[in-house]
């Protein structure tokens, strides 16, 4: 999480506060290890920390390329019907629920594969 330290400082929060507000049994030492890049974590934890810091996962991770895609998708949201948006939300929730059923090591494998795919191809909404 390349931007965790900066975003946490901007929010005026301690490592302990981020850990407590994020829940998920996080501890202050874990937040420190994420900040210094000594360990990685699940997408569930990343999403929860992003929520606590009122930012996007892409911004937290320091992935500017994906942030541009997210902005493009968000711009298109106004052009989508409510049904299409609800279907996309349901699809994403299903994917997250499936990830949660996997062992931690398998989650990392899936995330690495998804990262590789997203760097090779633009999202379907692009076309």
C-alpha atoms as a PDB file:
ATOM      1  CA  UNK A   1       0.000   0.000   0.000  1.00  0.00           C
ATOM      2  CA  UNK A   2       2.269   2.685  -1.361  1.00  0.00           C
ATOM      3  CA  UNK A   3       0.227   5.633  -0.117  1.00  0.00           C
ATOM      4  CA  UNK A   4      -0.923   4.295   3.251  1.00  0.00           C
ATOM      5  CA  UNK A   5       1.462   6.377   5.357  1.00  0.00           C
ATOM      6  CA  UNK A   6       0.724   9.613   3.478  1.00  0.00           C
ATOM      7  CA  UNK A   7      -3.049   9.084   3.516  1.00  0.00           C
ATOM      8  CA  UNK A   8      -3.032   8.128   7.193  1.00  0.00           C
ATOM      9  CA  UNK A   9      -1.036  11.253   8.084  1.00  0.00           C
ATOM     10  CA  UNK A  10      -3.342  13.445   5.982  1.00  0.00           C
ATOM     11  CA  UNK A  11      -6.299  11.988   7.871  1.00  0.00           C
ATOM     12  CA  UNK A  12      -4.554  12.774  11.164  1.00  0.00           C
ATOM     13  CA  UNK A  13      -4.843   9.197  12.344  1.00  0.00           C
ATOM     14  CA  UNK A  14      -2.422   6.962  14.213  1.00  0.00           C
ATOM     15  CA  UNK A  15      -1.615   3.448  13.095  1.00  0.00           C
ATOM     16  CA  UNK A  16      -3.626   2.194  16.074  1.00  0.00           C
ATOM     17  CA  UNK A  17      -6.678   4.256  15.047  1.00  0.00           C
ATOM     18  CA  UNK A  18      -6.581   2.903  11.499  1.00  0.00           C
ATOM     19  CA  UNK A  19      -6.301  -0.652  12.829  1.00  0.00           C
ATOM     20  CA  UNK A  20      -9.222  -0.195  15.232  1.00  0.00           C
ATOM     21  CA  UNK A  21     -11.512   1.563  12.757  1.00  0.00           C
ATOM     22  CA  UNK A  22     -10.773  -0.961  10.023  1.00  0.00           C
ATOM     23  CA  UNK A  23     -11.689  -3.820  12.327  1.00  0.00           C
ATOM     24  CA  UNK A  24     -10.925  -7.271  10.924  1.00  0.00           C
ATOM     25  CA  UNK A  25      -8.693  -7.918  13.967  1.00  0.00           C
ATOM     26  CA  UNK A  26      -5.972  -5.636  12.592  1.00  0.00           C
ATOM     27  CA  UNK A  27      -3.220  -4.449  14.896  1.00  0.00           C
ATOM     28  CA  UNK A  28      -0.945  -1.411  14.961  1.00  0.00           C
ATOM     29  CA  UNK A  29       2.121  -3.530  14.057  1.00  0.00           C
ATOM     30  CA  UNK A  30       0.294  -4.863  10.986  1.00  0.00           C
ATOM     31  CA  UNK A  31      -0.501  -1.319   9.811  1.00  0.00           C
ATOM     32  CA  UNK A  32       3.178  -0.438  10.289  1.00  0.00           C
ATOM     33  CA  UNK A  33       4.271  -3.442   8.187  1.00  0.00           C
ATOM     34  CA  UNK A  34       1.839  -2.414   5.406  1.00  0.00           C
ATOM     35  CA  UNK A  35       3.245   1.130   5.473  1.00  0.00           C
ATOM     36  CA  UNK A  36       6.849   0.031   5.136  1.00  0.00           C
ATOM     37  CA  UNK A  37       6.049  -2.638   2.563  1.00  0.00           C
ATOM     38  CA  UNK A  38       7.159  -5.588   4.662  1.00  0.00           C
ATOM     39  CA  UNK A  39       3.964  -7.521   4.068  1.00  0.00           C
ATOM     40  CA  UNK A  40       0.906  -7.658   1.858  1.00  0.00           C
ATOM     41  CA  UNK A  41      -2.672  -8.417   2.763  1.00  0.00           C
ATOM     42  CA  UNK A  42      -6.019  -9.458   1.349  1.00  0.00           C
ATOM     43  CA  UNK A  43      -8.169  -7.276  -0.857  1.00  0.00           C
ATOM     44  CA  UNK A  44     -10.758  -7.293   1.949  1.00  0.00           C
ATOM     45  CA  UNK A  45      -8.288  -5.561   4.294  1.00  0.00           C
ATOM     46  CA  UNK A  46      -7.164  -3.129   1.593  1.00  0.00           C
ATOM     47  CA  UNK A  47     -10.778  -2.197   0.870  1.00  0.00           C
ATOM     48  CA  UNK A  48     -11.537  -1.671   4.560  1.00  0.00           C
ATOM     49  CA  UNK A  49      -8.459   0.513   5.113  1.00  0.00           C
ATOM     50  CA  UNK A  50      -9.359   2.563   2.019  1.00  0.00           C
ATOM     51  CA  UNK A  51     -12.847   3.053   3.466  1.00  0.00           C
ATOM     52  CA  UNK A  52     -11.440   4.184   6.829  1.00  0.00           C
ATOM     53  CA  UNK A  53      -9.168   6.689   5.066  1.00  0.00           C
ATOM     54  CA  UNK A  54     -11.987   7.835   2.778  1.00  0.00           C
ATOM     55  CA  UNK A  55     -10.084   7.035  -0.408  1.00  0.00           C
ATOM     56  CA  UNK A  56     -10.076   4.543  -3.258  1.00  0.00           C
ATOM     57  CA  UNK A  57      -8.219   1.248  -3.307  1.00  0.00           C
ATOM     58  CA  UNK A  58      -6.276   2.510  -6.324  1.00  0.00           C
ATOM     59  CA  UNK A  59      -5.158   5.645  -4.484  1.00  0.00           C
ATOM     60  CA  UNK A  60      -4.211   3.656  -1.394  1.00  0.00           C
ATOM     61  CA  UNK A  61      -2.204   1.208  -3.495  1.00  0.00           C
ATOM     62  CA  UNK A  62      -0.550   4.018  -5.463  1.00  0.00           C
ATOM     63  CA  UNK A  63      -1.737   2.603  -8.771  1.00  0.00           C
ATOM     64  CA  UNK A  64      -2.300   5.668 -10.929  1.00  0.00           C
ATOM     65  CA  UNK A  65      -2.942   3.617 -14.058  1.00  0.00           C
ATOM     66  CA  UNK A  66      -5.877   1.844 -12.442  1.00  0.00           C
ATOM     67  CA  UNK A  67      -7.122   5.145 -11.006  1.00  0.00           C
ATOM     68  CA  UNK A  68      -7.496   6.440 -14.560  1.00  0.00           C
ATOM     69  CA  UNK A  69      -9.558   3.390 -15.493  1.00  0.00           C
ATOM     70  CA  UNK A  70     -11.704   3.850 -12.397  1.00  0.00           C
ATOM     71  CA  UNK A  71     -12.323   7.486 -13.296  1.00  0.00           C
ATOM     72  CA  UNK A  72     -13.353   6.429 -16.804  1.00  0.00           C
ATOM     73  CA  UNK A  73     -15.733   3.834 -15.418  1.00  0.00           C
ATOM     74  CA  UNK A  74     -17.179   6.339 -12.924  1.00  0.00           C
ATOM     75  CA  UNK A  75     -17.737   8.868 -15.719  1.00  0.00           C
ATOM     76  CA  UNK A  76     -19.664   6.196 -17.614  1.00  0.00           C
ATOM     77  CA  UNK A  77     -21.823   5.359 -14.597  1.00  0.00           C
ATOM     78  CA  UNK A  78     -24.186   8.205 -15.441  1.00  0.00           C
ATOM     79  CA  UNK A  79     -24.731   6.626 -18.857  1.00  0.00           C
ATOM     80  CA  UNK A  80     -25.596   3.221 -17.444  1.00  0.00           C
ATOM     81  CA  UNK A  81     -29.043   2.241 -16.345  1.00  0.00           C
ATOM     82  CA  UNK A  82     -29.740   1.570 -12.687  1.00  0.00           C
ATOM     83  CA  UNK A  83     -30.209  -2.104 -13.577  1.00  0.00           C
ATOM     84  CA  UNK A  84     -26.746  -2.253 -15.189  1.00  0.00           C
ATOM     85  CA  UNK A  85     -25.157  -0.607 -12.135  1.00  0.00           C
ATOM     86  CA  UNK A  86     -26.975  -3.004  -9.791  1.00  0.00           C
ATOM     87  CA  UNK A  87     -25.836  -5.979 -11.876  1.00  0.00           C
ATOM     88  CA  UNK A  88     -22.240  -4.766 -11.722  1.00  0.00           C
ATOM     89  CA  UNK A  89     -22.438  -4.290  -7.949  1.00  0.00           C
ATOM     90  CA  UNK A  90     -23.911  -7.783  -7.552  1.00  0.00           C
ATOM     91  CA  UNK A  91     -21.172  -9.236  -9.759  1.00  0.00           C
ATOM     92  CA  UNK A  92     -18.437  -7.520  -7.738  1.00  0.00           C
ATOM     93  CA  UNK A  93     -19.997  -8.606  -4.441  1.00  0.00           C
ATOM     94  CA  UNK A  94     -20.154 -12.192  -5.688  1.00  0.00           C
ATOM     95  CA  UNK A  95     -16.484 -12.038  -6.669  1.00  0.00           C
ATOM     96  CA  UNK A  96     -15.569 -10.678  -3.232  1.00  0.00           C
ATOM     97  CA  UNK A  97     -17.612 -13.390  -1.500  1.00  0.00           C
ATOM     98  CA  UNK A  98     -15.810 -16.050  -3.537  1.00  0.00           C
ATOM     99  CA  UNK A  99     -12.430 -14.534  -2.621  1.00  0.00           C
ATOM    100  CA  UNK A 100     -13.365 -14.633   1.063  1.00  0.00           C
ATOM    101  CA  UNK A 101     -13.913 -18.401   0.826  1.00  0.00           C
ATOM    102  CA  UNK A 102     -10.321 -18.974  -0.331  1.00  0.00           C
ATOM    103  CA  UNK A 103      -7.270 -19.513   1.845  1.00  0.00           C
ATOM    104  CA  UNK A 104      -5.034 -16.458   2.179  1.00  0.00           C
ATOM    105  CA  UNK A 105      -2.368 -17.917  -0.143  1.00  0.00           C
ATOM    106  CA  UNK A 106      -4.964 -18.659  -2.816  1.00  0.00           C
ATOM    107  CA  UNK A 107      -6.365 -15.122  -2.510  1.00  0.00           C
ATOM    108  CA  UNK A 108      -2.919 -13.713  -3.224  1.00  0.00           C
ATOM    109  CA  UNK A 109      -2.607 -15.954  -6.289  1.00  0.00           C
ATOM    110  CA  UNK A 110      -5.960 -14.752  -7.623  1.00  0.00           C
ATOM    111  CA  UNK A 111      -5.070 -11.103  -6.981  1.00  0.00           C
ATOM    112  CA  UNK A 112      -1.713 -11.438  -8.713  1.00  0.00           C
ATOM    113  CA  UNK A 113      -3.454 -13.001 -11.696  1.00  0.00           C
ATOM    114  CA  UNK A 114      -6.054 -10.223 -11.783  1.00  0.00           C
ATOM    115  CA  UNK A 115      -3.326  -7.579 -11.581  1.00  0.00           C
ATOM    116  CA  UNK A 116      -1.568  -9.197 -14.520  1.00  0.00           C
ATOM    117  CA  UNK A 117      -4.792  -9.285 -16.539  1.00  0.00           C
ATOM    118  CA  UNK A 118      -5.634  -5.646 -15.832  1.00  0.00           C
ATOM    119  CA  UNK A 119      -2.196  -4.490 -16.911  1.00  0.00           C
ATOM    120  CA  UNK A 120      -2.434  -6.414 -20.174  1.00  0.00           C
ATOM    121  CA  UNK A 121      -5.952  -5.403 -21.177  1.00  0.00           C
ATOM    122  CA  UNK A 122      -8.203  -2.413 -20.544  1.00  0.00           C
ATOM    123  CA  UNK A 123     -11.507  -3.108 -18.771  1.00  0.00           C
ATOM    124  CA  UNK A 124     -14.495  -4.256 -20.797  1.00  0.00           C
ATOM    125  CA  UNK A 125     -16.171  -0.878 -20.275  1.00  0.00           C
ATOM    126  CA  UNK A 126     -13.400   0.672 -22.349  1.00  0.00           C
ATOM    127  CA  UNK A 127     -14.676  -0.790 -25.605  1.00  0.00           C
END
